[in-house]
Each structure stands twice: as structure tokens, then as C-alpha cells.
Amino acid sequence: MPSIKVSILGSNTFTSQMPRIREAFQSLGNIISEESPDLIYSNDPTGYPKAMYLKKKFPNSYLILNFLDIPWHMPNVEKQTKLLVENFFNLADMTTTISFKVKKDLKKFLQKNIEVIYNPIKDVFYDKNIKKNNTFLYVGRANDKIKRINLVKESLEKIDNSINNVKICGSEDPGFGEYLGIVSDEKLNELYNCSKYLYLPSKAEGLGLPMIEAMICGSLPIACDDNETAKEFLPEDFICKPDSQSIVNKIKELDKDYDSKRILALDYGKKYKIQFDKTSIAKNILNIFNSNNKTKS
């Protein structure tokens, strides 16, 4: 595959996607540049204005804007989404979303072709040498109402002596459990491998990478059936009703047959390890570019 010049834009923090996507493009032999790029790709809204600036400056560049999610629970979300479509997506050469659920949502506002390009997982992997010495894990923004951290607390309160027996990773401390803050990829990999269960009680997710990463590492994600994205990626075995007693019942059910359910998670994880790998994601973006005859010979 011939190398091209690519501008990769968006949030560039440790927890964001851009460092991994940029690294993958470079590993494939491409040049990261904002000077006459062949391809401009922005993963999130923080990069859209600069992407539009570069497109205006270099009109022959191919512009892909990625859409993360429509947070339906937020005020004025429809107005804000319409503004994004009008000011950015209607002017892009291609729009991508991070799941089919998000594609379906965006179709209500954007009457153009939309491709699905998943966000990449972190560099996690199954390590058979790590023992299951932790029961519960939560990864993500704990205090966002859509995440429903209350279901974690309420279900743990129903399980004897478990309220503090959960490790919590992310930028927000919910005030219970063992809060670890933002951890390194190496530490996160260890936590996934050593934990029996991952909580993902969110009402909605654009993608929900922790459930993907958990299965790769042999941890069982527990999600709720009103989360459309969870149903897109998880077997029914790991999905329950969005209430604390249903979660407790699901844990008890899985405990009875944990070994076979862990094998099920790992089977899904083997597929997702390839599908969500950063290099696979970069290749998928390049395939969109190449299919539109924008590769320079």
C-alpha cells in the first residue's frame, strides 16, 4: 500500500484515541503532516475546525470526519447535532461513526453516506499467568448520569461485604470502592485480567470500549438491555435488566458456570482483538480513502 501524507486531528490526551490512531498510521509507513495532506481525519469535535481549515487550504485533500455519539440525555442535543451537521459533516468528503447504533442515530440528521469505523482498543491482551484475585472492576467516567454508577453501588450493597470490593478507574471518583484514578495501559491490562467481572451499567454508549477490552482479557462484562451498543457487541449471556437486583441475579447466574462463560468471553475477545486493533482501524480508514480513488501514485 503506497504511503500518503495524513493529518490526524482531535483530542490528544493519554485517554483519547488520537495517539493510537496516529501511531498506527505511522507504523503502516504513512507520513503525519499538515502540509498538503492527502488525507485529513478528525476523530472528535475538538479537531473539526482545524480539519475544515486544512480542507479549505488544501482542497484536493480527502476529508473524513468521525462522529462519536449523540448524547440524547443532554439539553439542546438535537440543536447542537444539527449545527455540527450543517457546519462540518455536510462539507466533509466522508462521515464515519464508531458503531452502527451511532450511525443509526446520526442518520436522523445527516442525509449522506456514513461508514462505521470503530475506535481502537488500548494495548490489552489475555495473560493466562495473571490470577483472578479481584472480583469487580469499573472503567470510565463515574459521575456522568448516563453511566448509572448508582447501579454498581446498589448491586454491591446487595452482595455481602462487597461495597468496597470494586476497583474503579477513570477521571472521576464516585465516592465508594477502591478508586485508582487514570491508570497506565499496563495497569489496566492487569486489572482486566485479574478481575472476574466488569461493570458496564450505562444506559447508552457510543461504543463502550471497556466491555470489548474486558472480553479480550477474559473478564465478563455485565451490561443492561436498554444499552443498544452493548447488544451490538455482547452475547445475551452478559446482559440483564437495568436494575440492581437483576445485576445481582446475573452475577449469581454467571458464578455458577464461570469457567465456560469466561471461554465465551475469550472467544469474542479473540475476534475483537483483531477487529479493534489500532492498525486494523487505520487500515479501515485508509480503505475508505483508497476506495474513493484518492491515493497518489
C-alpha atoms as a PDB file:
ATOM      1  CA  MET A   1       0.000   0.000   0.000  1.00  0.00           C
ATOM      2  CA  PRO A   2       1.629   3.317  -1.069  1.00  0.00           C
ATOM      3  CA  SER A   3       2.364   5.748   1.741  1.00  0.00           C
ATOM      4  CA  ILE A   4       0.451   9.011   1.937  1.00  0.00           C
ATOM      5  CA  LYS A   5       0.540  12.196   3.969  1.00  0.00           C
ATOM      6  CA  VAL A   6      -2.104  12.224   6.697  1.00  0.00           C
ATOM      7  CA  SER A   7      -3.333  14.863   9.149  1.00  0.00           C
ATOM      8  CA  ILE A   8      -4.720  13.211  12.304  1.00  0.00           C
ATOM      9  CA  LEU A   9      -6.761  15.625  14.412  1.00  0.00           C
ATOM     10  CA  GLY A  10      -8.722  15.560  17.638  1.00  0.00           C
ATOM     11  CA  SER A  11      -8.161  15.245  21.364  1.00  0.00           C
ATOM     12  CA  ASN A  12      -4.563  14.256  22.009  1.00  0.00           C
ATOM     13  CA  THR A  13      -4.663  13.290  25.697  1.00  0.00           C
ATOM     14  CA  PHE A  14      -3.462   9.996  27.180  1.00  0.00           C
ATOM     15  CA  THR A  15      -7.023   8.669  27.399  1.00  0.00           C
ATOM     16  CA  SER A  16      -8.077   9.774  23.890  1.00  0.00           C
ATOM     17  CA  GLN A  17      -7.902   7.868  20.608  1.00  0.00           C
ATOM     18  CA  MET A  18      -5.616  10.039  18.517  1.00  0.00           C
ATOM     19  CA  PRO A  19      -2.217   8.888  19.847  1.00  0.00           C
ATOM     20  CA  ARG A  20      -3.067   5.271  18.983  1.00  0.00           C
ATOM     21  CA  ILE A  21      -4.508   6.128  15.554  1.00  0.00           C
ATOM     22  CA  ARG A  22      -1.508   8.312  14.716  1.00  0.00           C
ATOM     23  CA  GLU A  23       0.906   5.583  15.816  1.00  0.00           C
ATOM     24  CA  ALA A  24      -0.915   3.035  13.637  1.00  0.00           C
ATOM     25  CA  PHE A  25      -0.754   5.243  10.544  1.00  0.00           C
ATOM     26  CA  GLN A  26       2.969   5.730  11.077  1.00  0.00           C
ATOM     27  CA  SER A  27       3.544   2.002  11.590  1.00  0.00           C
ATOM     28  CA  LEU A  28       1.973   1.462   8.151  1.00  0.00           C
ATOM     29  CA  GLY A  29       4.578   3.747   6.591  1.00  0.00           C
ATOM     30  CA  ASN A  30       2.499   6.909   6.259  1.00  0.00           C
ATOM     31  CA  ILE A  31       3.675  10.448   6.978  1.00  0.00           C
ATOM     32  CA  ILE A  32       1.900  12.556   9.594  1.00  0.00           C
ATOM     33  CA  SER A  33       1.783  16.077   8.173  1.00  0.00           C
ATOM     34  CA  GLU A  34      -0.411  19.167   7.985  1.00  0.00           C
ATOM     35  CA  GLU A  35       1.343  20.400   4.840  1.00  0.00           C
ATOM     36  CA  SER A  36      -0.648  19.425   1.741  1.00  0.00           C
ATOM     37  CA  PRO A  37      -2.018  16.181   3.231  1.00  0.00           C
ATOM     38  CA  ASP A  38      -3.630  13.539   1.051  1.00  0.00           C
ATOM     39  CA  LEU A  39      -5.988  12.613   3.867  1.00  0.00           C
ATOM     40  CA  ILE A  40      -7.401  14.678   6.725  1.00  0.00           C
ATOM     41  CA  TYR A  41      -9.008  12.680   9.539  1.00  0.00           C
ATOM     42  CA  SER A  42     -10.590  14.107  12.691  1.00  0.00           C
ATOM     43  CA  ASN A  43     -11.773  11.667  15.328  1.00  0.00           C
ATOM     44  CA  ASP A  44     -13.769  14.093  17.507  1.00  0.00           C
ATOM     45  CA  PRO A  45     -15.197  17.644  17.578  1.00  0.00           C
ATOM     46  CA  THR A  46     -12.036  19.227  19.013  1.00  0.00           C
ATOM     47  CA  GLY A  47     -10.397  18.609  15.643  1.00  0.00           C
ATOM     48  CA  TYR A  48     -13.243  19.617  13.314  1.00  0.00           C
ATOM     49  CA  PRO A  49     -12.390  23.352  12.972  1.00  0.00           C
ATOM     50  CA  LYS A  50      -8.749  22.670  12.103  1.00  0.00           C
ATOM     51  CA  ALA A  51      -9.816  19.900   9.723  1.00  0.00           C
ATOM     52  CA  MET A  52     -12.056  22.363   7.891  1.00  0.00           C
ATOM     53  CA  TYR A  53      -9.241  24.919   7.805  1.00  0.00           C
ATOM     54  CA  LEU A  54      -6.869  22.386   6.233  1.00  0.00           C
ATOM     55  CA  LYS A  55      -9.529  21.288   3.737  1.00  0.00           C
ATOM     56  CA  LYS A  56     -10.047  24.891   2.660  1.00  0.00           C
ATOM     57  CA  LYS A  57      -6.287  25.424   2.368  1.00  0.00           C
ATOM     58  CA  PHE A  58      -5.713  22.129   0.536  1.00  0.00           C
ATOM     59  CA  PRO A  59      -8.983  21.415  -1.333  1.00  0.00           C
ATOM     60  CA  ASN A  60      -7.608  18.283  -3.016  1.00  0.00           C
ATOM     61  CA  SER A  61      -7.224  16.602   0.374  1.00  0.00           C
ATOM     62  CA  TYR A  62      -9.795  13.967   1.268  1.00  0.00           C
ATOM     63  CA  LEU A  63     -11.630  14.902   4.487  1.00  0.00           C
ATOM     64  CA  ILE A  64     -13.073  12.265   6.854  1.00  0.00           C
ATOM     65  CA  LEU A  65     -14.886  13.456   9.981  1.00  0.00           C
ATOM     66  CA  ASN A  66     -15.659  10.872  12.646  1.00  0.00           C
ATOM     67  CA  PHE A  67     -18.755  11.175  14.849  1.00  0.00           C
ATOM     68  CA  LEU A  68     -18.602   9.750  18.375  1.00  0.00           C
ATOM     69  CA  ASP A  69     -22.108   9.866  19.797  1.00  0.00           C
ATOM     70  CA  ILE A  70     -25.372  11.747  20.224  1.00  0.00           C
ATOM     71  CA  PRO A  71     -25.866  12.244  23.992  1.00  0.00           C
ATOM     72  CA  TRP A  72     -29.649  12.221  23.911  1.00  0.00           C
ATOM     73  CA  HIS A  73     -29.881  12.964  27.636  1.00  0.00           C
ATOM     74  CA  MET A  74     -28.182  16.357  27.268  1.00  0.00           C
ATOM     75  CA  PRO A  75     -30.206  19.588  26.824  1.00  0.00           C
ATOM     76  CA  ASN A  76     -30.432  21.059  23.299  1.00  0.00           C
ATOM     77  CA  VAL A  77     -28.722  17.979  21.861  1.00  0.00           C
ATOM     78  CA  GLU A  78     -30.782  17.982  18.663  1.00  0.00           C
ATOM     79  CA  LYS A  79     -29.956  21.643  18.000  1.00  0.00           C
ATOM     80  CA  GLN A  80     -26.258  21.027  18.636  1.00  0.00           C
ATOM     81  CA  THR A  81     -26.224  17.965  16.372  1.00  0.00           C
ATOM     82  CA  LYS A  82     -27.913  19.900  13.565  1.00  0.00           C
ATOM     83  CA  LEU A  83     -25.265  22.613  13.890  1.00  0.00           C
ATOM     84  CA  LEU A  84     -22.472  20.017  13.663  1.00  0.00           C
ATOM     85  CA  VAL A  85     -24.057  18.553  10.546  1.00  0.00           C
ATOM     86  CA  GLU A  86     -24.545  21.962   8.926  1.00  0.00           C
ATOM     87  CA  ASN A  87     -21.109  23.374   9.755  1.00  0.00           C
ATOM     88  CA  PHE A  88     -18.972  20.267   9.360  1.00  0.00           C
ATOM     89  CA  PHE A  89     -20.438  16.972   8.178  1.00  0.00           C
ATOM     90  CA  ASN A  90     -22.287  18.330   5.164  1.00  0.00           C
ATOM     91  CA  LEU A  91     -18.923  19.674   3.975  1.00  0.00           C
ATOM     92  CA  ALA A  92     -16.865  16.523   4.600  1.00  0.00           C
ATOM     93  CA  ASP A  93     -15.999  14.009   1.880  1.00  0.00           C
ATOM     94  CA  MET A  94     -16.983  11.164   4.219  1.00  0.00           C
ATOM     95  CA  THR A  95     -18.524  10.764   7.651  1.00  0.00           C
ATOM     96  CA  THR A  96     -17.732   7.828   9.919  1.00  0.00           C
ATOM     97  CA  THR A  97     -19.237   6.710  13.214  1.00  0.00           C
ATOM     98  CA  ILE A  98     -17.881   4.421  15.937  1.00  0.00           C
ATOM     99  CA  SER A  99     -20.779   1.936  15.963  1.00  0.00           C
ATOM    100  CA  PHE A 100     -23.876   1.003  13.993  1.00  0.00           C
ATOM    101  CA  LYS A 101     -26.001   2.380  16.822  1.00  0.00           C
ATOM    102  CA  VAL A 102     -24.402   5.815  16.392  1.00  0.00           C
ATOM    103  CA  LYS A 103     -24.772   5.529  12.609  1.00  0.00           C
ATOM    104  CA  LYS A 104     -28.496   4.916  13.031  1.00  0.00           C
ATOM    105  CA  ASP A 105     -28.791   7.945  15.335  1.00  0.00           C
ATOM    106  CA  LEU A 106     -26.851  10.250  13.018  1.00  0.00           C
ATOM    107  CA  LYS A 107     -28.933   9.164  10.008  1.00  0.00           C
ATOM    108  CA  LYS A 108     -31.772  11.186  11.553  1.00  0.00           C
ATOM    109  CA  PHE A 109     -29.767  14.350  10.869  1.00  0.00           C
ATOM    110  CA  LEU A 110     -27.362  13.581   8.004  1.00  0.00           C
ATOM    111  CA  GLN A 111     -28.624  12.509   4.587  1.00  0.00           C
ATOM    112  CA  LYS A 112     -25.282  11.281   3.255  1.00  0.00           C
ATOM    113  CA  ASN A 113     -23.365   8.015   3.189  1.00  0.00           C
ATOM    114  CA  ILE A 114     -21.958   7.044   6.594  1.00  0.00           C
ATOM    115  CA  GLU A 115     -19.317   4.388   7.216  1.00  0.00           C
ATOM    116  CA  VAL A 116     -18.646   2.642  10.547  1.00  0.00           C
ATOM    117  CA  ILE A 117     -15.049   2.810  11.781  1.00  0.00           C
ATOM    118  CA  TYR A 118     -14.606   1.632  15.381  1.00  0.00           C
ATOM    119  CA  ASN A 119     -12.349   3.416  17.831  1.00  0.00           C
ATOM    120  CA  PRO A 120      -9.237   1.381  18.697  1.00  0.00           C
ATOM    121  CA  ILE A 121      -8.798  -0.520  21.922  1.00  0.00           C
ATOM    122  CA  LYS A 122      -5.858   0.055  24.220  1.00  0.00           C
ATOM    123  CA  ASP A 123      -2.947  -2.367  24.003  1.00  0.00           C
ATOM    124  CA  VAL A 124      -4.551  -5.022  26.210  1.00  0.00           C
ATOM    125  CA  PHE A 125      -4.203  -8.786  25.891  1.00  0.00           C
ATOM    126  CA  TYR A 126      -5.099 -12.011  27.647  1.00  0.00           C
ATOM    127  CA  ASP A 127      -2.435 -13.106  30.124  1.00  0.00           C
ATOM    128  CA  LYS A 128      -3.067 -16.623  31.458  1.00  0.00           C
ATOM    129  CA  ASN A 129      -0.445 -16.082  34.163  1.00  0.00           C
ATOM    130  CA  ILE A 130      -2.461 -13.376  35.926  1.00  0.00           C
ATOM    131  CA  LYS A 131      -4.688 -14.860  38.641  1.00  0.00           C
ATOM    132  CA  LYS A 132      -8.290 -13.824  39.197  1.00  0.00           C
ATOM    133  CA  ASN A 133      -7.708 -12.100  42.544  1.00  0.00           C
ATOM    134  CA  ASN A 134     -10.237  -9.278  42.103  1.00  0.00           C
ATOM    135  CA  THR A 135     -13.994  -9.627  41.699  1.00  0.00           C
ATOM    136  CA  PHE A 136     -15.381  -6.351  40.339  1.00  0.00           C
ATOM    137  CA  LEU A 137     -13.978  -3.620  38.083  1.00  0.00           C
ATOM    138  CA  TYR A 138     -15.441  -0.384  36.700  1.00  0.00           C
ATOM    139  CA  VAL A 139     -13.689   1.626  33.966  1.00  0.00           C
ATOM    140  CA  GLY A 140     -14.946   5.011  32.744  1.00  0.00           C
ATOM    141  CA  ARG A 141     -16.467   8.328  33.767  1.00  0.00           C
ATOM    142  CA  ALA A 142     -18.182   7.510  37.024  1.00  0.00           C
ATOM    143  CA  ASN A 143     -20.235  10.670  37.585  1.00  0.00           C
ATOM    144  CA  ASP A 144     -21.904  11.025  34.184  1.00  0.00           C
ATOM    145  CA  LYS A 145     -25.594  10.251  34.841  1.00  0.00           C
ATOM    146  CA  ILE A 146     -25.855   8.173  31.670  1.00  0.00           C
ATOM    147  CA  LYS A 147     -23.244   5.772  33.132  1.00  0.00           C
ATOM    148  CA  ARG A 148     -25.555   4.860  36.065  1.00  0.00           C
ATOM    149  CA  ILE A 149     -22.803   4.250  38.609  1.00  0.00           C
ATOM    150  CA  ASN A 150     -25.622   4.050  41.176  1.00  0.00           C
ATOM    151  CA  LEU A 151     -26.444   0.577  39.827  1.00  0.00           C
ATOM    152  CA  VAL A 152     -22.919  -0.521  40.680  1.00  0.00           C
ATOM    153  CA  LYS A 153     -23.244   0.737  44.246  1.00  0.00           C
ATOM    154  CA  GLU A 154     -26.786  -0.564  44.768  1.00  0.00           C
ATOM    155  CA  SER A 155     -25.981  -4.042  43.442  1.00  0.00           C
ATOM    156  CA  LEU A 156     -22.822  -4.290  45.550  1.00  0.00           C
ATOM    157  CA  GLU A 157     -24.840  -3.327  48.618  1.00  0.00           C
ATOM    158  CA  LYS A 158     -26.981  -6.399  47.983  1.00  0.00           C
ATOM    159  CA  ILE A 159     -23.900  -8.622  47.886  1.00  0.00           C
ATOM    160  CA  ASP A 160     -22.441  -9.253  51.361  1.00  0.00           C
ATOM    161  CA  ASN A 161     -19.354  -7.144  52.186  1.00  0.00           C
ATOM    162  CA  SER A 162     -18.886  -6.067  48.557  1.00  0.00           C
ATOM    163  CA  ILE A 163     -19.472  -2.292  48.619  1.00  0.00           C
ATOM    164  CA  ASN A 164     -15.736  -1.593  48.771  1.00  0.00           C
ATOM    165  CA  ASN A 165     -14.776  -4.679  46.773  1.00  0.00           C
ATOM    166  CA  VAL A 166     -14.738  -2.900  43.433  1.00  0.00           C
ATOM    167  CA  LYS A 167     -11.790  -1.229  41.731  1.00  0.00           C
ATOM    168  CA  ILE A 168     -12.706   1.943  39.830  1.00  0.00           C
ATOM    169  CA  CYS A 169     -10.568   3.503  37.075  1.00  0.00           C
ATOM    170  CA  GLY A 170     -11.172   6.805  35.364  1.00  0.00           C
ATOM    171  CA  SER A 171     -11.112  10.562  35.766  1.00  0.00           C
ATOM    172  CA  GLU A 172     -13.943  10.712  38.336  1.00  0.00           C
ATOM    173  CA  ASP A 173     -14.209   9.326  41.869  1.00  0.00           C
ATOM    174  CA  PRO A 174     -17.735   8.090  42.709  1.00  0.00           C
ATOM    175  CA  GLY A 175     -17.011   8.058  46.460  1.00  0.00           C
ATOM    176  CA  PHE A 176     -17.033   4.318  47.061  1.00  0.00           C
ATOM    177  CA  GLY A 177     -14.884   1.338  46.215  1.00  0.00           C
ATOM    178  CA  GLU A 178     -11.132   1.478  45.602  1.00  0.00           C
ATOM    179  CA  TYR A 179     -10.628   4.481  43.346  1.00  0.00           C
ATOM    180  CA  LEU A 180      -7.437   4.201  41.262  1.00  0.00           C
ATOM    181  CA  GLY A 181      -7.748   7.277  39.052  1.00  0.00           C
ATOM    182  CA  ILE A 182      -6.441   7.159  35.482  1.00  0.00           C
ATOM    183  CA  VAL A 183      -4.090   4.203  35.145  1.00  0.00           C
ATOM    184  CA  SER A 184      -1.463   3.216  32.587  1.00  0.00           C
ATOM    185  CA  ASP A 185      -2.289   0.770  29.797  1.00  0.00           C
ATOM    186  CA  GLU A 186      -0.097  -1.811  31.538  1.00  0.00           C
ATOM    187  CA  LYS A 187      -2.004  -1.431  34.815  1.00  0.00           C
ATOM    188  CA  LEU A 188      -5.345  -1.504  33.019  1.00  0.00           C
ATOM    189  CA  ASN A 189      -4.356  -4.713  31.262  1.00  0.00           C
ATOM    190  CA  GLU A 190      -3.508  -6.259  34.634  1.00  0.00           C
ATOM    191  CA  LEU A 191      -6.832  -5.130  36.110  1.00  0.00           C
ATOM    192  CA  TYR A 192      -8.856  -6.583  33.241  1.00  0.00           C
ATOM    193  CA  ASN A 193      -7.017  -9.904  33.511  1.00  0.00           C
ATOM    194  CA  CYS A 194      -7.284 -10.203  37.290  1.00  0.00           C
ATOM    195  CA  SER A 195     -10.964  -9.164  37.568  1.00  0.00           C
ATOM    196  CA  LYS A 196     -13.842 -11.613  37.283  1.00  0.00           C
ATOM    197  CA  TYR A 197     -16.448  -9.029  36.256  1.00  0.00           C
ATOM    198  CA  LEU A 198     -16.542  -5.639  34.579  1.00  0.00           C
ATOM    199  CA  TYR A 199     -19.490  -3.363  35.311  1.00  0.00           C
ATOM    200  CA  LEU A 200     -20.949  -1.513  32.303  1.00  0.00           C
ATOM    201  CA  PRO A 201     -24.424  -0.425  33.507  1.00  0.00           C
ATOM    202  CA  SER A 202     -24.651   2.596  31.153  1.00  0.00           C
ATOM    203  CA  LYS A 203     -27.973   3.495  29.596  1.00  0.00           C
ATOM    204  CA  ALA A 204     -26.143   4.315  26.369  1.00  0.00           C
ATOM    205  CA  GLU A 205     -22.648   4.183  24.909  1.00  0.00           C
ATOM    206  CA  GLY A 206     -21.228   5.381  21.613  1.00  0.00           C
ATOM    207  CA  LEU A 207     -19.113   2.249  21.703  1.00  0.00           C
ATOM    208  CA  GLY A 208     -18.133   1.156  25.217  1.00  0.00           C
ATOM    209  CA  LEU A 209     -14.548   0.009  24.705  1.00  0.00           C
ATOM    210  CA  PRO A 210     -14.153  -1.334  28.288  1.00  0.00           C
ATOM    211  CA  MET A 211     -16.554  -4.194  27.515  1.00  0.00           C
ATOM    212  CA  ILE A 212     -14.501  -5.075  24.428  1.00  0.00           C
ATOM    213  CA  GLU A 213     -11.208  -4.841  26.300  1.00  0.00           C
ATOM    214  CA  ALA A 214     -12.581  -6.873  29.203  1.00  0.00           C
ATOM    215  CA  MET A 215     -13.545  -9.819  26.988  1.00  0.00           C
ATOM    216  CA  ILE A 216     -10.146  -9.754  25.306  1.00  0.00           C
ATOM    217  CA  CYS A 217      -8.628 -10.240  28.767  1.00  0.00           C
ATOM    218  CA  GLY A 218     -11.116 -12.867  29.926  1.00  0.00           C
ATOM    219  CA  SER A 219     -13.212 -10.694  32.227  1.00  0.00           C
ATOM    220  CA  LEU A 220     -17.006 -10.915  31.974  1.00  0.00           C
ATOM    221  CA  PRO A 221     -18.770  -7.603  31.198  1.00  0.00           C
ATOM    222  CA  ILE A 222     -22.191  -7.059  32.727  1.00  0.00           C
ATOM    223  CA  ALA A 223     -24.351  -4.643  30.718  1.00  0.00           C
ATOM    224  CA  CYS A 224     -28.017  -3.624  30.580  1.00  0.00           C
ATOM    225  CA  ASP A 225     -30.538  -4.427  27.865  1.00  0.00           C
ATOM    226  CA  ASP A 226     -31.524  -0.781  27.251  1.00  0.00           C
ATOM    227  CA  ASN A 227     -27.974  -0.115  26.008  1.00  0.00           C
ATOM    228  CA  GLU A 228     -28.222  -0.703  22.248  1.00  0.00           C
ATOM    229  CA  THR A 229     -24.467  -0.703  21.736  1.00  0.00           C
ATOM    230  CA  ALA A 230     -23.942  -3.405  24.354  1.00  0.00           C
ATOM    231  CA  LYS A 231     -26.401  -5.609  22.465  1.00  0.00           C
ATOM    232  CA  GLU A 232     -24.428  -4.907  19.281  1.00  0.00           C
ATOM    233  CA  PHE A 233     -21.248  -6.443  20.726  1.00  0.00           C
ATOM    234  CA  LEU A 234     -22.097  -8.721  23.671  1.00  0.00           C
ATOM    235  CA  PRO A 235     -23.684 -12.164  23.812  1.00  0.00           C
ATOM    236  CA  GLU A 236     -27.005 -12.302  25.667  1.00  0.00           C
ATOM    237  CA  ASP A 237     -25.243 -14.183  28.464  1.00  0.00           C
ATOM    238  CA  PHE A 238     -23.752 -10.917  29.763  1.00  0.00           C
ATOM    239  CA  ILE A 239     -26.849  -8.703  29.525  1.00  0.00           C
ATOM    240  CA  CYS A 240     -29.519  -8.124  32.170  1.00  0.00           C
ATOM    241  CA  LYS A 241     -32.262  -5.670  33.097  1.00  0.00           C
ATOM    242  CA  PRO A 242     -31.203  -2.168  34.231  1.00  0.00           C
ATOM    243  CA  ASP A 243     -31.862  -2.641  37.936  1.00  0.00           C
ATOM    244  CA  SER A 244     -29.631  -3.639  40.826  1.00  0.00           C
ATOM    245  CA  GLN A 245     -31.385  -6.927  41.651  1.00  0.00           C
ATOM    246  CA  SER A 246     -31.209  -8.069  38.048  1.00  0.00           C
ATOM    247  CA  ILE A 247     -27.466  -7.355  38.111  1.00  0.00           C
ATOM    248  CA  VAL A 248     -27.076  -9.366  41.301  1.00  0.00           C
ATOM    249  CA  ASN A 249     -29.052 -12.236  39.764  1.00  0.00           C
ATOM    250  CA  LYS A 250     -26.868 -12.111  36.653  1.00  0.00           C
ATOM    251  CA  ILE A 251     -23.694 -12.302  38.756  1.00  0.00           C
ATOM    252  CA  LYS A 252     -25.063 -15.313  40.643  1.00  0.00           C
ATOM    253  CA  GLU A 253     -26.029 -16.968  37.342  1.00  0.00           C
ATOM    254  CA  LEU A 254     -22.583 -16.409  35.843  1.00  0.00           C
ATOM    255  CA  ASP A 255     -20.844 -17.576  39.024  1.00  0.00           C
ATOM    256  CA  LYS A 256     -22.452 -20.995  38.649  1.00  0.00           C
ATOM    257  CA  ASP A 257     -20.836 -21.551  35.243  1.00  0.00           C
ATOM    258  CA  TYR A 258     -17.961 -19.082  35.319  1.00  0.00           C
ATOM    259  CA  ASP A 259     -15.346 -21.149  33.501  1.00  0.00           C
ATOM    260  CA  SER A 260     -17.472 -21.755  30.402  1.00  0.00           C
ATOM    261  CA  LYS A 261     -18.653 -18.120  30.356  1.00  0.00           C
ATOM    262  CA  ARG A 262     -15.040 -16.999  30.545  1.00  0.00           C
ATOM    263  CA  ILE A 263     -14.276 -19.134  27.495  1.00  0.00           C
ATOM    264  CA  LEU A 264     -17.218 -17.460  25.743  1.00  0.00           C
ATOM    265  CA  ALA A 265     -15.808 -14.017  26.590  1.00  0.00           C
ATOM    266  CA  LEU A 266     -12.364 -15.010  25.338  1.00  0.00           C
ATOM    267  CA  ASP A 267     -13.833 -16.338  22.075  1.00  0.00           C
ATOM    268  CA  TYR A 268     -15.462 -12.970  21.453  1.00  0.00           C
ATOM    269  CA  GLY A 269     -12.256 -11.283  22.589  1.00  0.00           C
ATOM    270  CA  LYS A 270     -10.102 -13.107  20.020  1.00  0.00           C
ATOM    271  CA  LYS A 271     -12.227 -11.667  17.239  1.00  0.00           C
ATOM    272  CA  TYR A 272     -12.366  -8.186  18.770  1.00  0.00           C
ATOM    273  CA  LYS A 273      -8.609  -8.128  19.433  1.00  0.00           C
ATOM    274  CA  ILE A 274      -8.115  -8.078  15.656  1.00  0.00           C
ATOM    275  CA  GLN A 275     -11.189  -6.042  14.740  1.00  0.00           C
ATOM    276  CA  PHE A 276     -10.484  -3.211  17.208  1.00  0.00           C
ATOM    277  CA  ASP A 277      -6.682  -3.190  16.957  1.00  0.00           C
ATOM    278  CA  LYS A 278      -5.298   0.276  16.182  1.00  0.00           C
ATOM    279  CA  THR A 279      -3.636  -0.969  12.986  1.00  0.00           C
ATOM    280  CA  SER A 280      -6.926  -2.503  11.799  1.00  0.00           C
ATOM    281  CA  ILE A 281      -8.675   0.812  12.455  1.00  0.00           C
ATOM    282  CA  ALA A 282      -6.045   2.744  10.478  1.00  0.00           C
ATOM    283  CA  LYS A 283      -6.351   0.272   7.588  1.00  0.00           C
ATOM    284  CA  ASN A 284     -10.138   0.705   7.601  1.00  0.00           C
ATOM    285  CA  ILE A 285      -9.742   4.488   7.359  1.00  0.00           C
ATOM    286  CA  LEU A 286      -7.246   4.056   4.526  1.00  0.00           C
ATOM    287  CA  ASN A 287      -9.643   1.698   2.732  1.00  0.00           C
ATOM    288  CA  ILE A 288     -12.255   4.455   2.661  1.00  0.00           C
ATOM    289  CA  PHE A 289      -9.648   6.838   1.264  1.00  0.00           C
ATOM    290  CA  ASN A 290      -8.455   4.339  -1.346  1.00  0.00           C
ATOM    291  CA  SER A 291     -11.973   3.354  -2.408  1.00  0.00           C
ATOM    292  CA  ASN A 292     -12.582   6.971  -3.369  1.00  0.00           C
ATOM    293  CA  ASN A 293      -9.538   6.996  -5.680  1.00  0.00           C
ATOM    294  CA  LYS A 294      -7.581   9.458  -3.627  1.00  0.00           C
ATOM    295  CA  THR A 295      -4.314   7.508  -3.370  1.00  0.00           C
ATOM    296  CA  LYS A 296      -1.451   9.264  -5.106  1.00  0.00           C
ATOM    297  CA  SER A 297       0.621   7.044  -7.338  1.00  0.00           C
END
